[in-house]
Amino acid sequence: MAAVQVAMLVLLRSLRTAARGLRRRASARPSSDEAPRNVMLGLLGANTLVLGGWWYAKDQAQHGDPRAYGFMMRHFTSGELHLREGRWWTLLTACVSHQDVMHYGVNMLTLSLTAPALLPVIGAPSLLSLYMGAGLAASATSILWPYVVDPILHGERTSLARRRYHLSQGASGSVYAIISAFTMMQPRSTVYLFFAVPLPAWLCIGGIAAWELYSASFPRPHSHTDSVGHVGGLLAGVLYARMRRF
């Protein structure tokens, strides 16, 4: 797990308070009290269901039957290999997929803290679109980065080695998009580093973005963190906020 993902949890103490300013700026619109709750429950439920699928698949594999695990790998991770074999839907299904309980827990807790800050402003359908769109962007960025950026930084040989069988999964890109969209809308809102040190939101997300960009450009050997996908999620959130013209 990336240290930055843990840091996300300690930067979010005041998001709901800062969101009040966004609610005052939001235009009045008819809304359903059930829609935001249903979207949150749906996202949490989908991630939990897929986590259960991974648990079952791993258990079956440990007992000598790898078929379920192979199914999960083919349909709930994203990568160039899947696109070459025609499984385009994995660009989306990967963003509700976690094999590791800690990875799942951090992402779902962060989602539960951040999404309510945006829901009153952009609405449930837009939040769902942002989540899924950012997941798609994170998957696509992870696949395209070795073709565009790696050859410049590391040479074609390294790029070819990285891109062939790299697979990724997780909601981190979508969660990062929600955080970056919020920051674009409320850049001067206050967040608390380690629940104690007040900092402007733009500084915190800027530091996270710089770290993820560095990690994506110069990955550590044997790292299992898809920082490239995180960068894609951050950019998706920025683009979304710009398109809404706050």
Protein backbone atom coordinates (compact mmCIF):
# COMPACT_ATOMS: atom_id res chain seq x y z
CA MET A 1 0.00 0.00 0.00
CA ALA A 2 1.23 3.48 -0.84
CA ALA A 3 2.06 5.72 2.09
CA VAL A 4 0.20 8.50 0.31
CA GLN A 5 -3.02 6.47 0.51
CA VAL A 6 -2.70 6.40 4.29
CA ALA A 7 -1.91 10.12 4.28
CA MET A 8 -5.19 10.72 2.46
CA LEU A 9 -7.03 9.61 5.58
CA VAL A 10 -5.36 12.17 7.80
CA LEU A 11 -5.89 15.06 5.41
CA LEU A 12 -9.67 14.94 5.31
CA ARG A 13 -10.88 16.04 8.71
CA SER A 14 -12.53 19.23 7.49
CA LEU A 15 -13.92 18.26 4.08
CA ARG A 16 -17.50 18.15 5.23
CA THR A 17 -17.19 21.54 6.91
CA ALA A 18 -15.59 23.10 3.85
CA ALA A 19 -18.31 21.60 1.69
CA ARG A 20 -20.81 23.98 3.26
CA GLY A 21 -19.31 26.75 1.15
CA LEU A 22 -19.88 24.69 -1.96
CA ARG A 23 -23.47 23.99 -0.98
CA ARG A 24 -24.14 27.71 -0.63
CA ARG A 25 -22.76 28.27 -4.13
CA ALA A 26 -24.66 25.39 -5.68
CA SER A 27 -27.80 26.36 -7.57
CA ALA A 28 -31.08 25.14 -6.15
CA ARG A 29 -32.20 21.94 -7.80
CA PRO A 30 -34.74 19.26 -7.01
CA SER A 31 -33.08 16.33 -5.32
CA SER A 32 -33.94 13.04 -3.73
CA ASP A 33 -32.70 12.27 -0.24
CA GLU A 34 -32.45 8.63 -1.27
CA ALA A 35 -30.23 9.11 -4.33
CA PRO A 36 -26.98 10.09 -2.53
CA ARG A 37 -27.40 7.28 -0.02
CA ASN A 38 -28.15 4.78 -2.77
CA VAL A 39 -25.09 5.79 -4.77
CA MET A 40 -22.82 5.49 -1.74
CA LEU A 41 -24.31 2.13 -0.77
CA GLY A 42 -24.01 0.96 -4.36
CA LEU A 43 -20.33 1.89 -4.62
CA LEU A 44 -19.48 0.42 -1.24
CA GLY A 45 -21.53 -2.68 -2.02
CA ALA A 46 -19.91 -3.24 -5.42
CA ASN A 47 -16.42 -2.96 -3.95
CA THR A 48 -17.35 -5.29 -1.09
CA LEU A 49 -18.93 -7.84 -3.41
CA VAL A 50 -15.84 -7.98 -5.62
CA LEU A 51 -13.60 -8.27 -2.55
CA GLY A 52 -15.69 -11.27 -1.55
CA GLY A 53 -15.18 -12.69 -5.02
CA TRP A 54 -11.41 -12.43 -4.59
CA TRP A 55 -11.58 -14.12 -1.19
CA TYR A 56 -13.56 -17.00 -2.65
CA ALA A 57 -11.23 -17.27 -5.64
CA LYS A 58 -8.12 -17.35 -3.46
CA ASP A 59 -9.65 -19.97 -1.20
CA GLN A 60 -10.52 -22.15 -4.19
CA ALA A 61 -7.01 -21.73 -5.61
CA GLN A 62 -5.46 -22.77 -2.29
CA HIS A 63 -7.55 -25.95 -2.48
CA GLY A 64 -6.30 -26.78 -5.96
CA ASP A 65 -8.98 -25.16 -8.15
CA PRO A 66 -7.61 -22.01 -9.88
CA ARG A 67 -10.59 -21.42 -12.18
CA ALA A 68 -12.29 -18.77 -10.03
CA TYR A 69 -9.01 -16.92 -9.51
CA GLY A 70 -8.35 -16.95 -13.23
CA PHE A 71 -11.84 -15.55 -13.83
CA MET A 72 -11.23 -12.69 -11.38
CA MET A 73 -7.86 -11.90 -12.92
CA ARG A 74 -9.35 -11.80 -16.41
CA HIS A 75 -12.38 -9.69 -15.54
CA PHE A 76 -11.47 -7.53 -12.52
CA THR A 77 -7.99 -6.24 -13.32
CA SER A 78 -7.07 -3.81 -16.08
CA GLY A 79 -4.13 -3.87 -18.45
CA GLU A 80 -3.00 -3.93 -22.05
CA LEU A 81 -3.25 -7.72 -22.16
CA HIS A 82 -6.98 -7.60 -21.45
CA LEU A 83 -7.59 -5.03 -24.18
CA ARG A 84 -5.67 -7.09 -26.70
CA GLU A 85 -7.92 -10.03 -25.83
CA GLY A 86 -11.08 -7.93 -26.16
CA ARG A 87 -11.99 -7.47 -22.48
CA TRP A 88 -12.60 -3.71 -22.67
CA TRP A 89 -14.96 -3.75 -19.67
CA THR A 90 -12.00 -4.35 -17.37
CA LEU A 91 -11.19 -0.63 -17.73
CA LEU A 92 -14.22 -0.08 -15.49
CA THR A 93 -14.49 -3.23 -13.39
CA ALA A 94 -10.95 -2.75 -12.08
CA CYS A 95 -12.04 0.38 -10.17
CA VAL A 96 -14.28 -1.66 -7.84
CA SER A 97 -11.74 -4.45 -7.38
CA HIS A 98 -9.42 -5.07 -4.40
CA GLN A 99 -7.63 -8.27 -3.47
CA ASP A 100 -6.09 -6.85 -0.32
CA VAL A 101 -8.28 -6.02 2.69
CA MET A 102 -6.13 -3.05 3.74
CA HIS A 103 -6.22 -1.61 0.22
CA TYR A 104 -10.00 -2.01 0.22
CA GLY A 105 -10.37 -0.55 3.71
CA VAL A 106 -8.33 2.59 3.06
CA ASN A 107 -10.08 3.30 -0.22
CA MET A 108 -13.59 2.72 1.12
CA LEU A 109 -12.99 4.76 4.28
CA THR A 110 -11.56 7.61 2.23
CA LEU A 111 -14.47 7.39 -0.20
CA SER A 112 -16.91 7.53 2.71
CA LEU A 113 -15.21 10.68 4.04
CA THR A 114 -14.79 12.53 0.76
CA ALA A 115 -17.83 11.72 -1.37
CA PRO A 116 -20.35 13.32 1.05
CA ALA A 117 -18.51 16.63 0.59
CA LEU A 118 -19.33 16.65 -3.12
CA LEU A 119 -22.70 14.91 -3.17
CA PRO A 120 -24.79 17.95 -2.13
CA VAL A 121 -23.15 20.03 -4.84
CA ILE A 122 -22.82 17.84 -7.91
CA GLY A 123 -25.56 15.31 -7.15
CA ALA A 124 -25.59 11.54 -7.02
CA PRO A 125 -25.57 10.86 -10.80
CA SER A 126 -22.58 13.16 -11.30
CA LEU A 127 -20.67 11.59 -8.42
CA LEU A 128 -21.24 8.14 -9.91
CA SER A 129 -20.10 9.43 -13.30
CA LEU A 130 -17.01 10.98 -11.74
CA TYR A 131 -16.15 7.76 -9.90
CA MET A 132 -16.54 5.53 -12.95
CA GLY A 133 -15.04 8.05 -15.38
CA ALA A 134 -12.00 8.49 -13.17
CA GLY A 135 -11.65 4.72 -12.89
CA LEU A 136 -11.65 4.53 -16.68
CA ALA A 137 -9.12 7.36 -16.88
CA ALA A 138 -6.86 5.70 -14.31
CA SER A 139 -6.91 2.39 -16.21
CA ALA A 140 -6.30 4.09 -19.56
CA THR A 141 -3.46 6.21 -18.17
CA SER A 142 -1.82 3.13 -16.70
CA ILE A 143 -1.93 1.43 -20.10
CA LEU A 144 -0.87 4.42 -22.21
CA TRP A 145 1.87 5.81 -19.95
CA PRO A 146 4.52 3.26 -21.02
CA TYR A 147 3.93 4.22 -24.66
CA VAL A 148 4.09 7.97 -24.09
CA VAL A 149 6.17 8.80 -21.01
CA ASP A 150 8.41 5.81 -20.28
CA PRO A 151 10.23 5.92 -23.64
CA ILE A 152 11.24 9.50 -22.86
CA LEU A 153 12.36 8.78 -19.31
CA HIS A 154 13.75 5.26 -19.55
CA GLY A 155 14.06 4.25 -23.18
CA GLU A 156 11.96 1.92 -25.30
CA ARG A 157 13.49 -1.23 -23.85
CA THR A 158 12.32 -0.50 -20.33
CA SER A 159 8.95 0.60 -21.65
CA LEU A 160 8.40 -2.69 -23.48
CA ALA A 161 9.30 -4.66 -20.38
CA ARG A 162 6.83 -2.74 -18.23
CA ARG A 163 3.80 -2.65 -20.45
CA ARG A 164 3.40 -6.25 -21.59
CA TYR A 165 1.80 -7.91 -18.59
CA HIS A 166 1.24 -5.12 -16.09
CA LEU A 167 -2.19 -5.39 -14.43
CA SER A 168 -3.78 -3.01 -11.95
CA GLN A 169 -6.90 -2.73 -9.81
CA GLY A 170 -8.43 -0.62 -7.06
CA ALA A 171 -10.56 2.45 -6.40
CA SER A 172 -7.62 4.74 -5.66
CA GLY A 173 -7.85 6.56 -8.99
CA SER A 174 -11.54 7.27 -8.43
CA VAL A 175 -10.97 8.41 -4.85
CA TYR A 176 -8.13 10.67 -5.92
CA ALA A 177 -10.43 12.19 -8.54
CA ILE A 178 -13.03 13.04 -5.90
CA ILE A 179 -10.35 14.66 -3.72
CA SER A 180 -8.81 16.65 -6.58
CA ALA A 181 -12.23 17.79 -7.82
CA PHE A 182 -13.10 19.00 -4.33
CA THR A 183 -9.76 20.80 -4.06
CA MET A 184 -10.30 22.54 -7.39
CA MET A 185 -13.68 23.77 -6.14
CA GLN A 186 -12.45 24.76 -2.67
CA PRO A 187 -8.66 25.27 -2.95
CA ARG A 188 -8.43 27.40 0.20
CA SER A 189 -10.38 25.09 2.46
CA THR A 190 -8.43 23.77 5.42
CA VAL A 191 -7.37 20.19 5.89
CA TYR A 192 -5.43 18.81 8.83
CA LEU A 193 -2.17 16.93 8.49
CA PHE A 194 -2.18 14.15 11.10
CA PHE A 195 -5.38 15.71 12.48
CA ALA A 196 -3.34 18.57 13.97
CA VAL A 197 -1.50 20.75 11.44
CA PRO A 198 -3.84 22.99 9.38
CA LEU A 199 -2.90 23.35 5.72
CA PRO A 200 -4.72 24.69 2.64
CA ALA A 201 -6.25 21.93 0.53
CA TRP A 202 -4.34 23.00 -2.58
CA LEU A 203 -1.01 22.50 -0.80
CA CYS A 204 -1.94 19.04 0.42
CA ILE A 205 -3.23 17.78 -2.91
CA GLY A 206 -0.29 19.46 -4.65
CA GLY A 207 2.11 17.51 -2.47
CA ILE A 208 0.25 14.26 -3.09
CA ALA A 209 0.22 14.92 -6.84
CA ALA A 210 3.96 15.67 -6.87
CA TRP A 211 4.71 12.44 -5.00
CA GLU A 212 2.52 10.33 -7.26
CA LEU A 213 4.01 11.90 -10.39
CA TYR A 214 7.52 11.17 -9.14
CA SER A 215 6.57 7.60 -8.19
CA ALA A 216 4.97 7.06 -11.59
CA SER A 217 8.02 8.38 -13.42
CA PHE A 218 10.60 6.55 -11.31
CA PRO A 219 8.87 3.47 -9.85
CA ARG A 220 10.53 1.52 -7.09
CA PRO A 221 11.59 -2.03 -7.95
CA HIS A 222 8.92 -4.60 -7.15
CA SER A 223 6.41 -1.91 -6.15
CA HIS A 224 2.77 -3.02 -6.39
CA THR A 225 1.38 0.53 -6.27
CA ASP A 226 0.01 1.85 -9.57
CA SER A 227 1.08 5.48 -9.21
CA VAL A 228 0.45 6.01 -12.92
CA GLY A 229 -3.22 5.19 -12.37
CA HIS A 230 -3.27 7.55 -9.40
CA VAL A 231 -1.99 10.35 -11.63
CA GLY A 232 -4.74 9.56 -14.13
CA GLY A 233 -7.35 9.79 -11.37
CA LEU A 234 -6.02 13.10 -10.10
CA LEU A 235 -6.11 14.56 -13.61
CA ALA A 236 -9.64 13.27 -14.14
CA GLY A 237 -10.82 15.12 -11.04
CA VAL A 238 -9.13 18.33 -12.14
CA LEU A 239 -10.67 18.06 -15.59
CA TYR A 240 -14.11 17.38 -14.13
CA ALA A 241 -13.95 20.44 -11.87
CA ARG A 242 -12.78 22.62 -14.75
CA MET A 243 -15.63 21.42 -16.95
CA ARG A 244 -18.13 22.35 -14.24
CA ARG A 245 -16.63 25.88 -14.18
CA PHE A 246 -16.70 26.50 -10.50
